[in-house]
Structure formats: C-alpha cells, structure tokens
Amino acid sequence: MRPPADALPVRHALALGLLHGPAELLPISSSGHTTLVPWLLGWPYPQLDGELRKSFEVALHAGTALGLLLALRGEVGEATRALDRRRLTLLVGSFLPPAIAGLAGERVIEQRLGTPRTIALGLAAGGAIMALADAVGPRTRMRDEAGAVDALALGLAQAGALIPGLSRGGMTLAAGRLRGFTRPEASALSRHVALPVIAGASVLKGVRLARRGLPPGMGGRLALGAGASFVSTLAAARFVPVERVGALWPYAAYRGALATVTLARLRGSRP
C-alpha cells in the first residue's frame, strides 16, 4: 500500500507552506489556494486522506498565526494595552459567530464545499462582494468607533468565510467597508479580529491531531509546512502592504481569473 507521505512530497509541503503566508495576508483565500494550486499543477496532494489534508492545513495556519503575532507584535501589543470594554466587545462579538459555525458545520463544510468547483465559485462570489463593498459610497469611520453591531458584522463575515474560497480577510474587509470604515481602518479591523480566530482554530485542531496521531513520515511534512508558512508570513508582512489602502478590485479581478481557469479546467476534464 502506498505510504500517505508519498502524496505530500517534501518539496510540495515546502511550496505550499511558502504560498500560505502571502495568501493569508492578502484577501485571496489561503485555504482555496492550498487546494487549487496542487490540483491545477497535477500534484498528488488531492489523493491524500481528507483527515491528513486537514492536519496539514492546520499546521500551515499555526505557522501563519505565529508569524503574524511576531510580525505584528507592536500592533498587537498596542491593542492589548489599550484593551477596554469596547475593544473586548469587538473581539468577543467577532469571535463567537465563526466559532459556533465552525463547531456546528465543520464536517459538512469540509465534505461538501472543499471541491475545486465550489472553491472557484467561492472565489468569484467573494471577489464580487469585495469589489461592490469597496465601491459603494464614501467611507469615513475610524476603527475606534467600532461597536457591537460592527463586531457582529465582522463575526458573521468570518463565519461565512468558513466556506472555502470566500476568504476570511476578504469578507471582513468587505464587512468593514460596508459598515463605513476607511480602507486602512477596515484592514486593521480585519487583522485584529482574524488573529484570535486563526489561533483558536489552530489550537483546537492541534489538540485533535495530537489525540489522533499521524502515520509515519507525515510529522516531518507537517513541521516543514508550518515552518515554511511561518517564514513566508514574516517575509510577506515586510513586503505586502498590510494596510491595503488601495482599491480591492485588483484582488477581486485576480480571484475571478483563478476561478475562471479552474472552471475551464473542470469543463475540459469532462468525458
């Protein structure tokens, strides 16, 4: 029987880890890219057992979370020192919807919505939502004005982004823009509410992974992917404009192009 590690060669684990950092920082769906890139390139990764793929993606997110905490340590430290009732409401309110949705619908989402077709549709739909939210009306609000309703909007955006392809960053940016925040302020809110969710999901799934264990050879692949994701996140945070003060339509256009390529490949593979 073919060892599971053969479906995730070392070079592929490294490449996917290096891809994950920039894809997480930009509103283009890191989970969608982790699935689509191997599929489009004909790598054996899609043949890996679903539980092992999930374990590998947990490792990638853990590396990204650590990288973000380090890269944004000044910003995180400032937000922690300034933590008050309003900011706590923002964090809790934006954390609960994705936590509840993830616990309740995790299996259904993974089994039915993680295919190339559904990811492509998620990319296209999310891109359209981002472009529309960014274009509708003037935006003047600052992050210090965010309240309970904003927290709920950001939380619902993160819950919706559990659907592969939509993108947590993309949906929270769209929610922030629709709630009237400027682009830099919406970007800051997007980062602040995403970190607890990424960290919480990584810890929860990491505990499950520790209980379940891994087949021989997979531990090293997961560690390599996590390490590469950590490094690429640090590097991306230096070169990628994390404030994303520009328009969101270029990201929407890229997402639409990737969705089109994916759907064209699917049509071409039909008998």
Protein backbone atom coordinates (compact mmCIF):
# COMPACT_ATOMS: atom_id res chain seq x y z
CA MET A 1 0.00 0.00 0.00
CA ARG A 2 1.32 3.45 -0.91
CA PRO A 3 2.53 5.39 2.17
CA PRO A 4 0.42 8.53 2.84
CA ALA A 5 3.57 10.68 2.86
CA ASP A 6 4.06 9.90 -0.85
CA ALA A 7 1.05 12.11 -1.63
CA LEU A 8 2.83 15.04 0.02
CA PRO A 9 6.48 15.09 -1.10
CA VAL A 10 8.84 17.31 0.86
CA ARG A 11 9.13 19.84 -1.98
CA HIS A 12 5.34 20.16 -2.20
CA ALA A 13 4.98 20.62 1.56
CA LEU A 14 7.62 23.36 1.38
CA ALA A 15 5.98 25.06 -1.60
CA LEU A 16 2.52 25.07 -0.03
CA GLY A 17 3.94 26.46 3.20
CA LEU A 18 5.69 29.27 1.34
CA LEU A 19 2.47 30.05 -0.53
CA HIS A 20 0.34 30.13 2.61
CA GLY A 21 1.81 33.24 4.24
CA PRO A 22 1.15 35.71 1.40
CA ALA A 23 -2.18 34.07 0.59
CA GLU A 24 -3.31 34.57 4.20
CA LEU A 25 -2.23 38.21 4.32
CA LEU A 26 -3.99 39.06 1.06
CA PRO A 27 -7.77 38.69 0.60
CA ILE A 28 -7.46 35.83 -1.89
CA SER A 29 -8.26 32.74 0.26
CA SER A 30 -5.29 30.78 1.59
CA SER A 31 -7.38 27.61 2.00
CA GLY A 32 -8.61 27.91 -1.58
CA HIS A 33 -5.06 28.19 -2.87
CA THR A 34 -3.88 25.23 -0.78
CA THR A 35 -6.46 23.09 -2.57
CA LEU A 36 -6.43 24.59 -6.07
CA VAL A 37 -2.70 25.01 -6.68
CA PRO A 38 -1.87 21.27 -6.25
CA TRP A 39 -4.96 20.32 -8.24
CA LEU A 40 -4.12 22.64 -11.15
CA LEU A 41 -0.48 21.51 -11.19
CA GLY A 42 -1.35 17.82 -11.07
CA TRP A 43 0.32 17.15 -7.72
CA PRO A 44 -0.72 14.04 -5.74
CA TYR A 45 -1.87 16.18 -2.78
CA PRO A 46 -5.61 15.77 -3.60
CA GLN A 47 -5.12 11.99 -3.18
CA LEU A 48 -4.07 12.47 0.44
CA ASP A 49 -6.60 11.27 3.00
CA GLY A 50 -9.01 14.05 3.95
CA GLU A 51 -8.07 13.96 7.63
CA LEU A 52 -4.37 14.22 6.77
CA ARG A 53 -5.01 17.14 4.41
CA LYS A 54 -6.88 18.87 7.20
CA SER A 55 -3.99 18.18 9.59
CA PHE A 56 -1.52 19.68 7.14
CA GLU A 57 -3.67 22.78 6.69
CA VAL A 58 -3.86 23.13 10.49
CA ALA A 59 -0.06 23.14 10.55
CA LEU A 60 0.02 25.84 7.86
CA HIS A 61 -2.40 28.01 9.80
CA ALA A 62 -0.44 27.51 13.02
CA GLY A 63 2.74 28.70 11.28
CA THR A 64 0.90 31.69 9.86
CA ALA A 65 -0.61 32.60 13.24
CA LEU A 66 2.82 32.58 14.90
CA GLY A 67 4.27 34.61 12.04
CA LEU A 68 1.51 37.20 12.29
CA LEU A 69 1.90 37.50 16.05
CA LEU A 70 5.61 38.17 15.61
CA ALA A 71 5.31 40.44 12.57
CA LEU A 72 2.51 42.49 14.12
CA ARG A 73 3.78 42.30 17.71
CA GLY A 74 3.88 46.10 18.03
CA GLU A 75 0.32 46.47 16.78
CA VAL A 76 -0.88 43.52 18.88
CA GLY A 77 0.89 44.87 21.96
CA GLU A 78 -0.65 48.30 21.50
CA ALA A 79 -4.13 46.79 21.08
CA THR A 80 -3.63 44.63 24.18
CA ARG A 81 -2.51 47.55 26.33
CA ALA A 82 -5.46 49.61 25.15
CA LEU A 83 -7.95 46.79 25.74
CA ASP A 84 -11.18 48.17 27.19
CA ARG A 85 -14.84 47.19 27.24
CA ARG A 86 -15.45 48.39 23.68
CA ARG A 87 -12.47 46.53 22.25
CA LEU A 88 -13.31 43.41 24.25
CA THR A 89 -16.84 43.53 22.85
CA LEU A 90 -15.38 43.80 19.36
CA LEU A 91 -13.12 40.76 19.86
CA VAL A 92 -15.74 38.57 21.54
CA GLY A 93 -18.53 39.57 19.17
CA SER A 94 -16.42 38.88 16.10
CA PHE A 95 -15.10 35.57 17.52
CA LEU A 96 -18.34 33.87 18.57
CA PRO A 97 -20.13 33.56 15.17
CA PRO A 98 -17.24 31.77 13.40
CA ALA A 99 -16.56 29.63 16.49
CA ILE A 100 -20.19 28.48 16.68
CA ALA A 101 -20.48 28.00 12.91
CA GLY A 102 -17.20 26.09 12.79
CA LEU A 103 -18.14 23.70 15.58
CA ALA A 104 -21.63 23.12 14.19
CA GLY A 105 -20.88 22.85 10.48
CA GLU A 106 -17.23 21.84 10.19
CA ARG A 107 -17.89 18.35 8.83
CA VAL A 108 -20.49 19.44 6.28
CA ILE A 109 -18.26 22.27 5.03
CA GLU A 110 -15.23 20.01 4.66
CA GLN A 111 -17.11 17.19 2.94
CA ARG A 112 -19.28 19.21 0.54
CA LEU A 113 -17.67 22.59 -0.04
CA GLY A 114 -13.99 21.82 -0.47
CA THR A 115 -14.04 20.78 -4.14
CA PRO A 116 -12.34 22.77 -6.92
CA ARG A 117 -15.75 23.77 -8.32
CA THR A 118 -17.15 25.11 -5.04
CA ILE A 119 -13.87 26.88 -4.24
CA ALA A 120 -13.91 28.54 -7.68
CA LEU A 121 -17.47 29.71 -7.11
CA GLY A 122 -16.46 30.99 -3.67
CA LEU A 123 -13.55 32.92 -5.14
CA ALA A 124 -15.76 34.54 -7.76
CA ALA A 125 -18.59 35.36 -5.35
CA GLY A 126 -16.22 36.69 -2.70
CA GLY A 127 -14.43 38.85 -5.23
CA ALA A 128 -17.70 40.36 -6.40
CA ILE A 129 -18.74 41.10 -2.80
CA MET A 130 -15.38 42.76 -2.09
CA ALA A 131 -15.46 44.95 -5.19
CA LEU A 132 -19.06 46.02 -4.57
CA ALA A 133 -18.50 46.77 -0.88
CA ASP A 134 -15.41 48.83 -1.68
CA ALA A 135 -17.16 50.87 -4.36
CA VAL A 136 -20.45 51.77 -2.68
CA GLY A 137 -20.45 55.26 -1.18
CA PRO A 138 -17.92 57.27 0.86
CA ARG A 139 -16.27 55.74 3.93
CA THR A 140 -15.02 57.91 6.81
CA ARG A 141 -15.28 55.88 10.03
CA MET A 142 -12.23 55.04 12.19
CA ARG A 143 -11.56 51.76 14.00
CA ASP A 144 -12.02 53.35 17.44
CA GLU A 145 -15.67 53.90 16.53
CA ALA A 146 -16.33 50.16 16.11
CA GLY A 147 -19.09 48.87 18.38
CA ALA A 148 -21.27 45.83 18.99
CA VAL A 149 -23.05 45.97 15.62
CA ASP A 150 -19.71 46.19 13.83
CA ALA A 151 -18.45 43.23 15.87
CA LEU A 152 -21.46 41.18 14.80
CA ALA A 153 -20.97 42.15 11.15
CA LEU A 154 -17.29 41.14 11.28
CA GLY A 155 -18.16 37.92 13.10
CA LEU A 156 -20.80 36.96 10.54
CA ALA A 157 -18.30 37.73 7.77
CA GLN A 158 -15.79 35.36 9.37
CA ALA A 159 -18.47 32.70 9.79
CA GLY A 160 -19.38 32.98 6.11
CA ALA A 161 -15.71 32.75 5.19
CA LEU A 162 -15.63 29.19 6.54
CA ILE A 163 -16.89 28.35 3.04
CA PRO A 164 -13.65 27.65 1.11
CA GLY A 165 -12.80 30.32 -1.42
CA LEU A 166 -14.61 33.24 0.19
CA SER A 167 -11.56 34.28 2.30
CA ARG A 168 -11.64 35.48 5.89
CA GLY A 169 -9.65 38.59 5.02
CA GLY A 170 -11.78 39.37 2.00
CA MET A 171 -15.09 39.05 3.83
CA THR A 172 -14.01 41.06 6.87
CA LEU A 173 -12.65 43.79 4.61
CA ALA A 174 -15.96 43.86 2.76
CA ALA A 175 -17.88 43.99 6.04
CA GLY A 176 -15.71 46.83 7.30
CA ARG A 177 -16.22 48.83 4.11
CA LEU A 178 -19.97 48.24 4.19
CA ARG A 179 -20.00 49.45 7.79
CA GLY A 180 -18.43 52.73 6.65
CA PHE A 181 -14.76 52.33 7.66
CA THR A 182 -11.93 53.73 5.55
CA ARG A 183 -9.73 51.24 3.74
CA PRO A 184 -6.83 51.38 6.24
CA GLU A 185 -9.21 51.16 9.21
CA ALA A 186 -11.14 48.25 7.67
CA SER A 187 -7.81 46.50 7.05
CA ALA A 188 -6.72 46.99 10.66
CA LEU A 189 -10.05 45.67 11.95
CA SER A 190 -9.74 42.69 9.59
CA ARG A 191 -6.34 41.78 11.03
CA HIS A 192 -7.36 42.31 14.65
CA VAL A 193 -10.44 40.09 14.51
CA ALA A 194 -8.78 37.38 12.39
CA LEU A 195 -5.89 36.58 14.73
CA PRO A 196 -8.00 35.15 17.60
CA VAL A 197 -9.98 33.00 15.16
CA ILE A 198 -6.85 31.65 13.41
CA ALA A 199 -5.14 30.97 16.73
CA GLY A 200 -8.23 29.38 18.30
CA ALA A 201 -8.85 27.09 15.33
CA SER A 202 -5.19 26.07 15.24
CA VAL A 203 -5.18 25.16 18.93
CA LEU A 204 -8.45 23.21 18.76
CA LYS A 205 -7.48 21.23 15.68
CA GLY A 206 -3.95 20.75 17.01
CA VAL A 207 -5.36 19.06 20.11
CA ARG A 208 -7.46 16.77 17.93
CA LEU A 209 -4.42 15.98 15.82
CA ALA A 210 -2.34 15.11 18.90
CA ARG A 211 -5.03 12.69 20.06
CA ARG A 212 -5.38 11.06 16.64
CA GLY A 213 -1.71 10.77 15.78
CA LEU A 214 -0.01 10.70 12.39
CA PRO A 215 1.19 7.98 10.02
CA PRO A 216 4.98 7.50 9.64
CA GLY A 217 6.65 10.25 7.64
CA MET A 218 3.84 12.79 7.97
CA GLY A 219 5.12 14.54 11.08
CA GLY A 220 8.12 15.94 9.25
CA ARG A 221 5.96 17.16 6.36
CA LEU A 222 3.65 19.00 8.75
CA ALA A 223 6.57 20.57 10.59
CA LEU A 224 8.16 21.65 7.31
CA GLY A 225 4.90 23.18 6.08
CA ALA A 226 4.38 25.03 9.36
CA GLY A 227 7.95 26.34 9.33
CA ALA A 228 7.70 27.49 5.71
CA SER A 229 4.36 29.17 6.44
CA PHE A 230 5.90 30.96 9.43
CA VAL A 231 8.84 32.25 7.36
CA SER A 232 6.70 33.27 4.38
CA THR A 233 4.30 35.13 6.68
CA LEU A 234 7.17 37.12 8.20
CA ALA A 235 8.54 37.90 4.74
CA ALA A 236 5.13 38.81 3.33
CA ALA A 237 4.41 41.13 6.24
CA ARG A 238 7.51 43.13 5.26
CA PHE A 239 6.72 43.40 1.55
CA VAL A 240 2.95 43.11 1.31
CA PRO A 241 1.09 46.36 2.12
CA VAL A 242 -0.81 45.01 5.13
CA GLU A 243 -2.78 48.24 5.38
CA ARG A 244 -4.09 47.57 1.87
CA VAL A 245 -5.05 51.20 1.38
CA GLY A 246 -5.69 50.72 -2.34
CA ALA A 247 -8.86 49.60 -4.04
CA LEU A 248 -9.99 45.99 -3.62
CA TRP A 249 -10.87 45.44 -7.28
CA PRO A 250 -7.39 44.09 -8.26
CA TYR A 251 -7.80 41.29 -5.72
CA ALA A 252 -11.32 40.68 -6.97
CA ALA A 253 -10.01 40.52 -10.55
CA TYR A 254 -7.31 38.00 -9.59
CA ARG A 255 -9.86 35.86 -7.78
CA GLY A 256 -12.14 35.95 -10.80
CA ALA A 257 -9.29 34.94 -13.10
CA LEU A 258 -8.32 31.98 -10.90
CA ALA A 259 -11.97 30.91 -10.69
CA THR A 260 -12.26 31.10 -14.50
CA VAL A 261 -9.13 28.97 -15.00
CA THR A 262 -10.41 26.39 -12.52
CA LEU A 263 -13.87 26.14 -14.07
CA ALA A 264 -12.35 25.93 -17.57
CA ARG A 265 -10.14 23.05 -16.42
CA LEU A 266 -13.15 21.29 -14.95
CA ARG A 267 -15.09 21.67 -18.21
CA GLY A 268 -12.12 20.39 -20.18
CA SER A 269 -11.83 17.28 -17.99
CA ARG A 270 -15.40 16.14 -18.61
CA PRO A 271 -15.73 12.95 -20.69
